[in-house]
Amino acid sequence: MAYGDRKSERVDFERGVHVHIMGIDGTWRRDCTMIDVSQTGARLCVEGSLEGLDLKEFFLLLSSTGLAFRRCQMVRLDGDQIGIQFLARDKTRKKSLKRQSADEIVRNT
C-alpha cells in the first residue's frame, strides 16, 4: 500500500513535527519527526535503529511531558520511515466509566 492510499485525508508538515515513540512498557524511546498525519495514522521518520524494538504496539508521544499520546502499531517500514496506525481506545472501559458516573449522579440527587 502506498502512502497516498489512506482512508482519511492527511495533513503534510513542511518541516515535520518533533515527536517520540516509546515502548508500552517504557523500556525504549526514539526521537522521530512526524511527516504527515491523518485521523487514522501517521508517517514518521525515526532517528536511530529500530532493530530489536517491539513495534506491534507502542505509544506516539506528542508532547515533551508525555501527556498527549496515542497508542499505535506499525503498519509499514521503508528505510528510516514507518507508517503507523492509531489503535482504538478501549470502548468497554469508557462505557463502564460513563455508567459509573451516571450511577453516582443518580445517588447524589
Protein backbone atom coordinates (compact mmCIF):
# COMPACT_ATOMS: atom_id res chain seq x y z
CA MET A 1 0.00 0.00 0.00
CA ALA A 2 1.45 3.36 -0.98
CA TYR A 3 1.50 6.24 1.46
CA GLY A 4 -1.12 8.09 -0.63
CA ASP A 5 -3.71 5.30 -0.29
CA ARG A 6 -5.15 6.39 3.04
CA LYS A 7 -8.79 6.08 4.02
CA SER A 8 -8.87 9.55 5.56
CA GLU A 9 -7.36 12.83 4.41
CA ARG A 10 -3.85 13.55 5.63
CA VAL A 11 -2.04 16.73 6.65
CA ASP A 12 1.55 17.10 5.44
CA PHE A 13 4.04 19.05 7.57
CA GLU A 14 6.58 21.07 5.58
CA ARG A 15 9.28 20.84 8.26
CA GLY A 16 7.86 17.95 10.28
CA VAL A 17 6.82 17.88 13.91
CA HIS A 18 9.22 16.60 16.60
CA VAL A 19 7.65 13.63 18.44
CA HIS A 20 8.78 10.44 20.22
CA ILE A 21 7.80 6.80 20.10
CA MET A 22 8.03 4.74 23.29
CA GLY A 23 7.50 1.09 24.15
CA ILE A 24 4.33 0.20 26.05
CA ASP A 25 6.48 -0.92 28.98
CA GLY A 26 8.64 2.23 28.81
CA THR A 27 11.89 0.33 28.21
CA TRP A 28 12.75 2.13 24.95
CA ARG A 29 12.20 5.52 23.35
CA ARG A 30 13.19 7.05 19.99
CA ASP A 31 13.11 10.60 18.63
CA CYS A 32 11.05 11.00 15.47
CA THR A 33 9.78 13.55 13.02
CA MET A 34 6.11 13.31 12.07
CA ILE A 35 5.97 13.86 8.32
CA ASP A 36 2.21 13.64 7.92
CA VAL A 37 -0.84 12.65 9.94
CA SER A 38 -4.43 11.62 9.30
CA GLN A 39 -7.34 10.66 11.51
CA THR A 40 -6.29 7.00 11.38
CA GLY A 41 -2.48 7.14 11.38
CA ALA A 42 0.77 8.94 10.58
CA ARG A 43 4.13 8.66 8.83
CA LEU A 44 7.25 9.09 10.95
CA CYS A 45 10.95 9.44 10.22
CA VAL A 46 12.72 7.62 13.08
CA GLU A 47 16.13 8.66 14.42
CA GLY A 48 18.21 5.67 15.46
CA SER A 49 17.84 1.96 14.94
CA LEU A 50 14.52 0.11 15.07
CA GLU A 51 16.26 -3.24 15.37
CA GLY A 52 15.01 -5.32 18.28
CA LEU A 53 12.12 -2.98 19.16
CA ASP A 54 8.59 -4.36 19.58
CA LEU A 55 6.60 -2.19 17.18
CA LYS A 56 3.44 -4.29 17.35
CA GLU A 57 2.11 -1.83 19.92
CA PHE A 58 3.73 1.36 21.26
CA PHE A 59 2.99 4.98 22.21
CA LEU A 60 3.37 8.04 19.98
CA LEU A 61 4.24 10.86 22.41
CA LEU A 62 3.05 14.20 21.03
CA SER A 63 4.26 16.39 23.91
CA SER A 64 7.55 16.61 25.79
CA THR A 65 5.81 15.67 29.06
CA GLY A 66 4.07 12.65 27.54
CA LEU A 67 0.62 13.89 28.49
CA ALA A 68 -0.57 13.93 24.85
CA PHE A 69 -0.15 10.49 23.31
CA ARG A 70 -1.74 7.88 21.06
CA ARG A 71 -1.45 4.10 21.20
CA CYS A 72 -0.16 2.80 17.83
CA GLN A 73 1.09 -0.09 15.79
CA MET A 74 3.47 -0.12 12.84
CA VAL A 75 1.86 -0.99 9.50
CA ARG A 76 4.78 -0.39 7.12
CA LEU A 77 8.53 0.13 7.16
CA ASP A 78 10.51 1.95 4.45
CA GLY A 79 14.11 2.67 5.46
CA ASP A 80 14.04 5.15 8.35
CA GLN A 81 10.33 5.92 7.80
CA ILE A 82 7.47 3.99 9.34
CA GLY A 83 3.75 4.14 8.75
CA ILE A 84 1.71 3.82 11.92
CA GLN A 85 -1.95 3.18 12.63
CA PHE A 86 -3.66 4.64 15.67
CA LEU A 87 -5.31 1.97 17.81
CA ALA A 88 -8.84 2.47 19.07
CA ARG A 89 -9.29 3.21 22.73
CA ASP A 90 -10.92 0.56 24.90
CA LYS A 91 -14.64 1.21 24.37
CA THR A 92 -15.77 -1.15 27.16
CA ARG A 93 -13.75 0.84 29.71
CA LYS A 94 -15.34 4.10 28.52
CA LYS A 95 -18.83 2.63 28.79
CA SER A 96 -18.20 1.36 32.32
CA LEU A 97 -16.85 4.79 33.37
CA LYS A 98 -19.90 6.53 31.89
CA ARG A 99 -22.23 4.07 33.63
CA GLN A 100 -20.38 4.61 36.92
CA SER A 101 -20.64 8.41 36.58
CA ALA A 102 -24.36 8.17 35.81
CA ASP A 103 -24.92 5.96 38.86
CA GLU A 104 -23.11 8.50 41.08
CA ILE A 105 -25.25 11.35 39.76
CA VAL A 106 -28.45 9.39 40.49
CA ARG A 107 -27.29 8.59 44.04
CA ASN A 108 -26.38 12.22 44.75
CA THR A 109 -29.77 13.63 43.70
